[in-house]
Amino acid sequence: MTNSTAETKQERINLRLRSDAKLLLERAADFEGKTVSNFILTSALACAEKTIQKHEVMRLNSRDSEAFFNALTKPACFNQKLTDALEEHGRRVTSK
């Protein structure tokens, strides 16, 4: 038995749902050959991973990737408008 399967499950999440929603989950779990708890857990974890990846991972095509890399590696050119904006920001913003 591996360490992960030997771990005792200690956390719990409870939820209330309509009877038709429960029947739907039971039916889907049965199609998958899973318990309702296992079906809900695996489905929720897959959705959670997808949501986290959507918010934390940035995918760029080759053109945008090159532009992003160039913006990071090449020094910024400070024109007068940018210098003025930074000075104005310094005067207006009191907390840093």
PDB file of N, CA and C in Angstrom:
ATOM      1  N   MET A   1       0.843  -1.184   0.000  1.00  0.00           N
ATOM      2  CA  MET A   1       0.000   0.000   0.000  1.00  0.00           C
ATOM      3  C   MET A   1       0.885   1.244   0.000  1.00  0.00           C
ATOM      4  N   THR A   2       0.632   2.184  -0.917  1.00  0.00           N
ATOM      5  CA  THR A   2       1.443   3.396  -0.960  1.00  0.00           C
ATOM      6  C   THR A   2       1.017   4.350   0.127  1.00  0.00           C
ATOM      7  N   ASN A   3       1.861   5.318   0.359  1.00  0.00           N
ATOM      8  CA  ASN A   3       1.587   6.299   1.414  1.00  0.00           C
ATOM      9  C   ASN A   3       0.293   7.060   1.164  1.00  0.00           C
ATOM     10  N   SER A   4       0.017   7.425  -0.110  1.00  0.00           N
ATOM     11  CA  SER A   4      -1.178   8.223  -0.399  1.00  0.00           C
ATOM     12  C   SER A   4      -2.455   7.424  -0.167  1.00  0.00           C
ATOM     13  N   THR A   5      -2.451   6.123  -0.451  1.00  0.00           N
ATOM     14  CA  THR A   5      -3.662   5.346  -0.223  1.00  0.00           C
ATOM     15  C   THR A   5      -3.820   4.978   1.242  1.00  0.00           C
ATOM     16  N   ALA A   6      -2.703   4.968   1.979  1.00  0.00           N
ATOM     17  CA  ALA A   6      -2.765   4.645   3.394  1.00  0.00           C
ATOM     18  C   ALA A   6      -3.158   5.850   4.235  1.00  0.00           C
ATOM     19  N   GLU A   7      -3.094   7.039   3.645  1.00  0.00           N
ATOM     20  CA  GLU A   7      -3.457   8.249   4.384  1.00  0.00           C
ATOM     21  C   GLU A   7      -4.916   8.203   4.793  1.00  0.00           C
ATOM     22  N   THR A   8      -5.177   8.605   6.020  1.00  0.00           N
ATOM     23  CA  THR A   8      -6.543   8.660   6.513  1.00  0.00           C
ATOM     24  C   THR A   8      -7.194   9.952   6.033  1.00  0.00           C
ATOM     25  N   LYS A   9      -8.372   9.820   5.486  1.00  0.00           N
ATOM     26  CA  LYS A   9      -9.125  11.008   5.067  1.00  0.00           C
ATOM     27  C   LYS A   9      -9.688  11.657   6.311  1.00  0.00           C
ATOM     28  N   GLN A  10      -9.344  12.915   6.527  1.00  0.00           N
ATOM     29  CA  GLN A  10      -9.785  13.601   7.741  1.00  0.00           C
ATOM     30  C   GLN A  10     -10.671  14.805   7.456  1.00  0.00           C
ATOM     31  N   GLU A  11     -10.637  15.314   6.255  1.00  0.00           N
ATOM     32  CA  GLU A  11     -11.416  16.512   5.937  1.00  0.00           C
ATOM     33  C   GLU A  11     -12.776  16.106   5.384  1.00  0.00           C
ATOM     34  N   ARG A  12     -13.739  16.986   5.590  1.00  0.00           N
ATOM     35  CA  ARG A  12     -15.100  16.687   5.174  1.00  0.00           C
ATOM     36  C   ARG A  12     -15.748  17.954   4.627  1.00  0.00           C
ATOM     37  N   ILE A  13     -16.550  17.786   3.598  1.00  0.00           N
ATOM     38  CA  ILE A  13     -17.364  18.872   3.050  1.00  0.00           C
ATOM     39  C   ILE A  13     -18.788  18.352   2.965  1.00  0.00           C
ATOM     40  N   ASN A  14     -19.720  19.087   3.509  1.00  0.00           N
ATOM     41  CA  ASN A  14     -21.136  18.721   3.444  1.00  0.00           C
ATOM     42  C   ASN A  14     -21.857  19.704   2.537  1.00  0.00           C
ATOM     43  N   LEU A  15     -22.860  19.219   1.828  1.00  0.00           N
ATOM     44  CA  LEU A  15     -23.662  20.129   1.022  1.00  0.00           C
ATOM     45  C   LEU A  15     -25.104  19.655   0.987  1.00  0.00           C
ATOM     46  N   ARG A  16     -25.976  20.591   0.792  1.00  0.00           N
ATOM     47  CA  ARG A  16     -27.399  20.275   0.658  1.00  0.00           C
ATOM     48  C   ARG A  16     -27.771  20.515  -0.799  1.00  0.00           C
ATOM     49  N   LEU A  17     -28.649  19.653  -1.308  1.00  0.00           N
ATOM     50  CA  LEU A  17     -29.059  19.788  -2.695  1.00  0.00           C
ATOM     51  C   LEU A  17     -30.482  19.275  -2.876  1.00  0.00           C
ATOM     52  N   ARG A  18     -31.075  19.664  -3.980  1.00  0.00           N
ATOM     53  CA  ARG A  18     -32.426  19.210  -4.302  1.00  0.00           C
ATOM     54  C   ARG A  18     -32.390  17.714  -4.620  1.00  0.00           C
ATOM     55  N   SER A  19     -33.510  17.057  -4.445  1.00  0.00           N
ATOM     56  CA  SER A  19     -33.561  15.611  -4.690  1.00  0.00           C
ATOM     57  C   SER A  19     -33.280  15.274  -6.147  1.00  0.00           C
ATOM     58  N   ASP A  20     -33.728  16.132  -7.086  1.00  0.00           N
ATOM     59  CA  ASP A  20     -33.450  15.855  -8.496  1.00  0.00           C
ATOM     60  C   ASP A  20     -31.961  15.967  -8.807  1.00  0.00           C
ATOM     61  N   ALA A  21     -31.260  16.857  -8.123  1.00  0.00           N
ATOM     62  CA  ALA A  21     -29.814  16.972  -8.315  1.00  0.00           C
ATOM     63  C   ALA A  21     -29.104  15.740  -7.759  1.00  0.00           C
ATOM     64  N   LYS A  22     -29.575  15.256  -6.624  1.00  0.00           N
ATOM     65  CA  LYS A  22     -28.989  14.052  -6.030  1.00  0.00           C
ATOM     66  C   LYS A  22     -29.192  12.856  -6.951  1.00  0.00           C
ATOM     67  N   LEU A  23     -30.384  12.722  -7.502  1.00  0.00           N
ATOM     68  CA  LEU A  23     -30.658  11.614  -8.425  1.00  0.00           C
ATOM     69  C   LEU A  23     -29.765  11.689  -9.659  1.00  0.00           C
ATOM     70  N   LEU A  24     -29.548  12.887 -10.149  1.00  0.00           N
ATOM     71  CA  LEU A  24     -28.681  13.078 -11.316  1.00  0.00           C
ATOM     72  C   LEU A  24     -27.249  12.651 -11.003  1.00  0.00           C
ATOM     73  N   LEU A  25     -26.746  13.061  -9.828  1.00  0.00           N
ATOM     74  CA  LEU A  25     -25.395  12.669  -9.416  1.00  0.00           C
ATOM     75  C   LEU A  25     -25.293  11.163  -9.220  1.00  0.00           C
ATOM     76  N   GLU A  26     -26.308  10.566  -8.630  1.00  0.00           N
ATOM     77  CA  GLU A  26     -26.293   9.117  -8.424  1.00  0.00           C
ATOM     78  C   GLU A  26     -26.282   8.377  -9.765  1.00  0.00           C
ATOM     79  N   ARG A  27     -27.060   8.869 -10.704  1.00  0.00           N
ATOM     80  CA  ARG A  27     -27.117   8.244 -12.033  1.00  0.00           C
ATOM     81  C   ARG A  27     -25.772   8.354 -12.743  1.00  0.00           C
ATOM     82  N   ALA A  28     -25.177   9.546 -12.706  1.00  0.00           N
ATOM     83  CA  ALA A  28     -23.880   9.744 -13.359  1.00  0.00           C
ATOM     84  C   ALA A  28     -22.799   8.899 -12.697  1.00  0.00           C
ATOM     85  N   ALA A  29     -22.799   8.847 -11.369  1.00  0.00           N
ATOM     86  CA  ALA A  29     -21.815   8.036 -10.645  1.00  0.00           C
ATOM     87  C   ALA A  29     -21.961   6.570 -11.017  1.00  0.00           C
ATOM     88  N   ASP A  30     -23.198   6.112 -11.154  1.00  0.00           N
ATOM     89  CA  ASP A  30     -23.450   4.729 -11.532  1.00  0.00           C
ATOM     90  C   ASP A  30     -22.900   4.429 -12.924  1.00  0.00           C
ATOM     91  N   PHE A  31     -23.079   5.353 -13.869  1.00  0.00           N
ATOM     92  CA  PHE A  31     -22.524   5.170 -15.213  1.00  0.00           C
ATOM     93  C   PHE A  31     -21.004   5.027 -15.175  1.00  0.00           C
ATOM     94  N   GLU A  32     -20.365   5.762 -14.280  1.00  0.00           N
ATOM     95  CA  GLU A  32     -18.908   5.733 -14.153  1.00  0.00           C
ATOM     96  C   GLU A  32     -18.419   4.591 -13.272  1.00  0.00           C
ATOM     97  N   GLY A  33     -19.328   3.888 -12.608  1.00  0.00           N
ATOM     98  CA  GLY A  33     -18.934   2.819 -11.703  1.00  0.00           C
ATOM     99  C   GLY A  33     -18.261   3.340 -10.444  1.00  0.00           C
ATOM    100  N   LYS A  34     -18.676   4.513 -10.009  1.00  0.00           N
ATOM    101  CA  LYS A  34     -18.087   5.155  -8.832  1.00  0.00           C
ATOM    102  C   LYS A  34     -19.150   5.358  -7.767  1.00  0.00           C
ATOM    103  N   THR A  35     -18.694   5.574  -6.543  1.00  0.00           N
ATOM    104  CA  THR A  35     -19.626   6.002  -5.514  1.00  0.00           C
ATOM    105  C   THR A  35     -19.969   7.462  -5.793  1.00  0.00           C
ATOM    106  N   VAL A  36     -21.068   7.907  -5.231  1.00  0.00           N
ATOM    107  CA  VAL A  36     -21.451   9.309  -5.416  1.00  0.00           C
ATOM    108  C   VAL A  36     -20.361  10.219  -4.854  1.00  0.00           C
ATOM    109  N   SER A  37     -19.838   9.877  -3.684  1.00  0.00           N
ATOM    110  CA  SER A  37     -18.773  10.696  -3.081  1.00  0.00           C
ATOM    111  C   SER A  37     -17.561  10.771  -3.991  1.00  0.00           C
ATOM    112  N   ASN A  38     -17.144   9.612  -4.528  1.00  0.00           N
ATOM    113  CA  ASN A  38     -15.971   9.602  -5.393  1.00  0.00           C
ATOM    114  C   ASN A  38     -16.238  10.359  -6.690  1.00  0.00           C
ATOM    115  N   PHE A  39     -17.444  10.208  -7.234  1.00  0.00           N
ATOM    116  CA  PHE A  39     -17.801  10.929  -8.454  1.00  0.00           C
ATOM    117  C   PHE A  39     -17.758  12.438  -8.238  1.00  0.00           C
ATOM    118  N   ILE A  40     -18.360  12.888  -7.135  1.00  0.00           N
ATOM    119  CA  ILE A  40     -18.369  14.328  -6.836  1.00  0.00           C
ATOM    120  C   ILE A  40     -16.952  14.827  -6.612  1.00  0.00           C
ATOM    121  N   LEU A  41     -16.153  14.074  -5.853  1.00  0.00           N
ATOM    122  CA  LEU A  41     -14.790  14.505  -5.554  1.00  0.00           C
ATOM    123  C   LEU A  41     -13.944  14.598  -6.816  1.00  0.00           C
ATOM    124  N   THR A  42     -13.954  13.558  -7.648  1.00  0.00           N
ATOM    125  CA  THR A  42     -13.118  13.599  -8.855  1.00  0.00           C
ATOM    126  C   THR A  42     -13.585  14.688  -9.815  1.00  0.00           C
ATOM    127  N   SER A  43     -14.898  14.873  -9.922  1.00  0.00           N
ATOM    128  CA  SER A  43     -15.424  15.926 -10.802  1.00  0.00           C
ATOM    129  C   SER A  43     -15.057  17.312 -10.286  1.00  0.00           C
ATOM    130  N   ALA A  44     -15.203  17.515  -8.983  1.00  0.00           N
ATOM    131  CA  ALA A  44     -14.886  18.820  -8.394  1.00  0.00           C
ATOM    132  C   ALA A  44     -13.400  19.122  -8.480  1.00  0.00           C
ATOM    133  N   LEU A  45     -12.551  18.111  -8.251  1.00  0.00           N
ATOM    134  CA  LEU A  45     -11.107  18.334  -8.345  1.00  0.00           C
ATOM    135  C   LEU A  45     -10.684  18.668  -9.770  1.00  0.00           C
ATOM    136  N   ALA A  46     -11.269  17.992 -10.751  1.00  0.00           N
ATOM    137  CA  ALA A  46     -10.954  18.300 -12.154  1.00  0.00           C
ATOM    138  C   ALA A  46     -11.371  19.719 -12.500  1.00  0.00           C
ATOM    139  N   CYS A  47     -12.534  20.118 -12.034  1.00  0.00           N
ATOM    140  CA  CYS A  47     -13.017  21.482 -12.281  1.00  0.00           C
ATOM    141  C   CYS A  47     -12.142  22.503 -11.563  1.00  0.00           C
ATOM    142  N   ALA A  48     -11.728  22.196 -10.342  1.00  0.00           N
ATOM    143  CA  ALA A  48     -10.864  23.105  -9.578  1.00  0.00           C
ATOM    144  C   ALA A  48      -9.522  23.294 -10.274  1.00  0.00           C
ATOM    145  N   GLU A  49      -8.935  22.203 -10.759  1.00  0.00           N
ATOM    146  CA  GLU A  49      -7.655  22.307 -11.467  1.00  0.00           C
ATOM    147  C   GLU A  49      -7.792  23.140 -12.727  1.00  0.00           C
ATOM    148  N   LYS A  50      -8.881  22.945 -13.466  1.00  0.00           N
ATOM    149  CA  LYS A  50      -9.121  23.711 -14.690  1.00  0.00           C
ATOM    150  C   LYS A  50      -9.279  25.196 -14.368  1.00  0.00           C
ATOM    151  N   THR A  51     -10.017  25.509 -13.317  1.00  0.00           N
ATOM    152  CA  THR A  51     -10.231  26.903 -12.914  1.00  0.00           C
ATOM    153  C   THR A  51      -8.925  27.560 -12.493  1.00  0.00           C
ATOM    154  N   ILE A  52      -8.133  26.852 -11.691  1.00  0.00           N
ATOM    155  CA  ILE A  52      -6.853  27.398 -11.244  1.00  0.00           C
ATOM    156  C   ILE A  52      -5.927  27.626 -12.428  1.00  0.00           C
ATOM    157  N   GLN A  53      -5.877  26.663 -13.335  1.00  0.00           N
ATOM    158  CA  GLN A  53      -5.007  26.816 -14.509  1.00  0.00           C
ATOM    159  C   GLN A  53      -5.449  28.001 -15.366  1.00  0.00           C
ATOM    160  N   LYS A  54      -6.751  28.181 -15.493  1.00  0.00           N
ATOM    161  CA  LYS A  54      -7.277  29.305 -16.285  1.00  0.00           C
ATOM    162  C   LYS A  54      -6.826  30.645 -15.720  1.00  0.00           C
ATOM    163  N   HIS A  55      -6.690  30.714 -14.396  1.00  0.00           N
ATOM    164  CA  HIS A  55      -6.339  31.974 -13.750  1.00  0.00           C
ATOM    165  C   HIS A  55      -4.836  32.141 -13.521  1.00  0.00           C
ATOM    166  N   GLU A  56      -4.079  31.059 -13.518  1.00  0.00           N
ATOM    167  CA  GLU A  56      -2.658  31.146 -13.194  1.00  0.00           C
ATOM    168  C   GLU A  56      -1.716  30.912 -14.374  1.00  0.00           C
ATOM    169  N   VAL A  57      -2.208  30.343 -15.460  1.00  0.00           N
ATOM    170  CA  VAL A  57      -1.350  30.009 -16.593  1.00  0.00           C
ATOM    171  C   VAL A  57      -1.668  30.940 -17.755  1.00  0.00           C
ATOM    172  N   MET A  58      -0.602  31.455 -18.353  1.00  0.00           N
ATOM    173  CA  MET A  58      -0.769  32.321 -19.508  1.00  0.00           C
ATOM    174  C   MET A  58      -0.222  31.585 -20.737  1.00  0.00           C
ATOM    175  N   ARG A  59      -1.042  31.421 -21.748  1.00  0.00           N
ATOM    176  CA  ARG A  59      -0.606  30.756 -22.976  1.00  0.00           C
ATOM    177  C   ARG A  59      -0.490  31.814 -24.072  1.00  0.00           C
ATOM    178  N   LEU A  60       0.645  31.801 -24.743  1.00  0.00           N
ATOM    179  CA  LEU A  60       0.896  32.769 -25.799  1.00  0.00           C
ATOM    180  C   LEU A  60       1.259  32.047 -27.083  1.00  0.00           C
ATOM    181  N   ASN A  61       0.833  32.614 -28.212  1.00  0.00           N
ATOM    182  CA  ASN A  61       1.309  32.073 -29.479  1.00  0.00           C
ATOM    183  C   ASN A  61       2.745  32.538 -29.672  1.00  0.00           C
ATOM    184  N   SER A  62       3.415  32.068 -30.714  1.00  0.00           N
ATOM    185  CA  SER A  62       4.844  32.370 -30.874  1.00  0.00           C
ATOM    186  C   SER A  62       5.110  33.872 -31.039  1.00  0.00           C
ATOM    187  N   ARG A  63       4.239  34.577 -31.742  1.00  0.00           N
ATOM    188  CA  ARG A  63       4.443  36.021 -31.943  1.00  0.00           C
ATOM    189  C   ARG A  63       4.313  36.773 -30.620  1.00  0.00           C
ATOM    190  N   ASP A  64       3.265  36.467 -29.859  1.00  0.00           N
ATOM    191  CA  ASP A  64       3.061  37.130 -28.572  1.00  0.00           C
ATOM    192  C   ASP A  64       4.121  36.721 -27.554  1.00  0.00           C
ATOM    193  N   SER A  65       4.552  35.474 -27.635  1.00  0.00           N
ATOM    194  CA  SER A  65       5.611  34.995 -26.744  1.00  0.00           C
ATOM    195  C   SER A  65       6.905  35.763 -26.994  1.00  0.00           C
ATOM    196  N   GLU A  66       7.223  35.977 -28.248  1.00  0.00           N
ATOM    197  CA  GLU A  66       8.433  36.740 -28.590  1.00  0.00           C
ATOM    198  C   GLU A  66       8.316  38.191 -28.131  1.00  0.00           C
ATOM    199  N   ALA A  67       7.157  38.801 -28.320  1.00  0.00           N
ATOM    200  CA  ALA A  67       6.949  40.181 -27.874  1.00  0.00           C
ATOM    201  C   ALA A  67       7.066  40.281 -26.360  1.00  0.00           C
ATOM    202  N   PHE A  68       6.511  39.305 -25.634  1.00  0.00           N
ATOM    203  CA  PHE A  68       6.594  39.295 -24.178  1.00  0.00           C
ATOM    204  C   PHE A  68       8.043  39.150 -23.727  1.00  0.00           C
ATOM    205  N   PHE A  69       8.773  38.222 -24.337  1.00  0.00           N
ATOM    206  CA  PHE A  69      10.177  38.017 -23.994  1.00  0.00           C
ATOM    207  C   PHE A  69      10.984  39.281 -24.268  1.00  0.00           C
ATOM    208  N   ASN A  70      10.760  39.914 -25.409  1.00  0.00           N
ATOM    209  CA  ASN A  70      11.484  41.141 -25.745  1.00  0.00           C
ATOM    210  C   ASN A  70      11.170  42.265 -24.756  1.00  0.00           C
ATOM    211  N   ALA A  71       9.935  42.344 -24.314  1.00  0.00           N
ATOM    212  CA  ALA A  71       9.568  43.372 -23.338  1.00  0.00           C
ATOM    213  C   ALA A  71      10.287  43.143 -22.014  1.00  0.00           C
ATOM    214  N   LEU A  72      10.533  41.889 -21.659  1.00  0.00           N
ATOM    215  CA  LEU A  72      11.226  41.590 -20.410  1.00  0.00           C
ATOM    216  C   LEU A  72      12.731  41.785 -20.507  1.00  0.00           C
ATOM    217  N   THR A  73      13.294  41.536 -21.660  1.00  0.00           N
ATOM    218  CA  THR A  73      14.754  41.543 -21.786  1.00  0.00           C
ATOM    219  C   THR A  73      15.328  42.857 -22.303  1.00  0.00           C
ATOM    220  N   LYS A  74      14.565  43.624 -23.007  1.00  0.00           N
ATOM    221  CA  LYS A  74      15.079  44.878 -23.556  1.00  0.00           C
ATOM    222  C   LYS A  74      14.742  46.023 -22.613  1.00  0.00           C
ATOM    223  N   PRO A  75      15.675  46.935 -22.406  1.00  0.00           N
ATOM    224  CA  PRO A  75      15.398  48.056 -21.501  1.00  0.00           C
ATOM    225  C   PRO A  75      14.276  48.948 -22.042  1.00  0.00           C
ATOM    226  N   ALA A  76      13.501  49.486 -21.132  1.00  0.00           N
ATOM    227  CA  ALA A  76      12.401  50.374 -21.515  1.00  0.00           C
ATOM    228  C   ALA A  76      12.949  51.724 -21.933  1.00  0.00           C
ATOM    229  N   CYS A  77      12.320  52.308 -22.921  1.00  0.00           N
ATOM    230  CA  CYS A  77      12.701  53.643 -23.371  1.00  0.00           C
ATOM    231  C   CYS A  77      11.785  54.642 -22.668  1.00  0.00           C
ATOM    232  N   PHE A  78      12.358  55.456 -21.807  1.00  0.00           N
ATOM    233  CA  PHE A  78      11.585  56.441 -21.072  1.00  0.00           C
ATOM    234  C   PHE A  78      11.497  57.713 -21.898  1.00  0.00           C
ATOM    235  N   ASN A  79      10.318  57.965 -22.465  1.00  0.00           N
ATOM    236  CA  ASN A  79      10.122  59.233 -23.162  1.00  0.00           C
ATOM    237  C   ASN A  79       9.601  60.251 -22.145  1.00  0.00           C
ATOM    238  N   GLN A  80       9.420  61.476 -22.573  1.00  0.00           N
ATOM    239  CA  GLN A  80       9.020  62.538 -21.652  1.00  0.00           C
ATOM    240  C   GLN A  80       7.655  62.290 -21.050  1.00  0.00           C
ATOM    241  N   LYS A  81       6.723  61.751 -21.820  1.00  0.00           N
ATOM    242  CA  LYS A  81       5.379  61.474 -21.293  1.00  0.00           C
ATOM    243  C   LYS A  81       5.439  60.464 -20.156  1.00  0.00           C
ATOM    244  N   LEU A  82       6.249  59.409 -20.315  1.00  0.00           N
ATOM    245  CA  LEU A  82       6.368  58.399 -19.275  1.00  0.00           C
ATOM    246  C   LEU A  82       7.038  58.977 -18.035  1.00  0.00           C
ATOM    247  N   THR A  83       8.090  59.767 -18.229  1.00  0.00           N
ATOM    248  CA  THR A  83       8.780  60.397 -17.104  1.00  0.00           C
ATOM    249  C   THR A  83       7.825  61.321 -16.347  1.00  0.00           C
ATOM    250  N   ASP A  84       7.051  62.123 -17.084  1.00  0.00           N
ATOM    251  CA  ASP A  84       6.074  63.019 -16.454  1.00  0.00           C
ATOM    252  C   ASP A  84       5.016  62.226 -15.680  1.00  0.00           C
ATOM    253  N   ALA A  85       4.550  61.124 -16.263  1.00  0.00           N
ATOM    254  CA  ALA A  85       3.530  60.308 -15.602  1.00  0.00           C
ATOM    255  C   ALA A  85       4.080  59.710 -14.309  1.00  0.00           C
ATOM    256  N   LEU A  86       5.312  59.244 -14.309  1.00  0.00           N
ATOM    257  CA  LEU A  86       5.918  58.685 -13.104  1.00  0.00           C
ATOM    258  C   LEU A  86       6.090  59.749 -12.019  1.00  0.00           C
ATOM    259  N   GLU A  87       6.494  60.941 -12.420  1.00  0.00           N
ATOM    260  CA  GLU A  87       6.628  62.031 -11.458  1.00  0.00           C
ATOM    261  C   GLU A  87       5.271  62.423 -10.881  1.00  0.00           C
ATOM    262  N   GLU A  88       4.246  62.482 -11.725  1.00  0.00           N
ATOM    263  CA  GLU A  88       2.892  62.797 -11.270  1.00  0.00           C
ATOM    264  C   GLU A  88       2.394  61.724 -10.305  1.00  0.00           C
ATOM    265  N   HIS A  89       2.672  60.501 -10.607  1.00  0.00           N
ATOM    266  CA  HIS A  89       2.296  59.386  -9.728  1.00  0.00           C
ATOM    267  C   HIS A  89       2.973  59.556  -8.364  1.00  0.00           C
ATOM    268  N   GLY A  90       4.233  59.901  -8.384  1.00  0.00           N
ATOM    269  CA  GLY A  90       4.974  60.112  -7.127  1.00  0.00           C
ATOM    270  C   GLY A  90       4.384  61.227  -6.296  1.00  0.00           C
ATOM    271  N   ARG A  91       3.856  62.263  -6.943  1.00  0.00           N
ATOM    272  CA  ARG A  91       3.250  63.369  -6.204  1.00  0.00           C
ATOM    273  C   ARG A  91       1.862  63.002  -5.665  1.00  0.00           C
ATOM    274  N   ARG A  92       1.105  62.229  -6.387  1.00  0.00           N
ATOM    275  CA  ARG A  92      -0.273  61.926  -6.008  1.00  0.00           C
ATOM    276  C   ARG A  92      -0.401  60.761  -5.032  1.00  0.00           C
ATOM    277  N   VAL A  93       0.431  59.768  -5.172  1.00  0.00           N
ATOM    278  CA  VAL A  93       0.287  58.566  -4.352  1.00  0.00           C
ATOM    279  C   VAL A  93       1.077  58.729  -3.066  1.00  0.00           C
ATOM    280  N   THR A  94       0.367  58.607  -1.948  1.00  0.00           N
ATOM    281  CA  THR A  94       1.028  58.824  -0.661  1.00  0.00           C
ATOM    282  C   THR A  94       1.511  57.524  -0.036  1.00  0.00           C
ATOM    283  N   SER A  95       0.834  56.399  -0.288  1.00  0.00           N
ATOM    284  CA  SER A  95       1.275  55.123   0.273  1.00  0.00           C
ATOM    285  C   SER A  95       2.021  54.336  -0.792  1.00  0.00           C
ATOM    286  N   LYS A  96       3.109  53.729  -0.398  1.00  0.00           N
ATOM    287  CA  LYS A  96       3.925  52.980  -1.382  1.00  0.00           C
ATOM    288  C   LYS A  96       4.185  51.602  -0.870  1.00  0.00           C
TER     289      LYS A  96
END
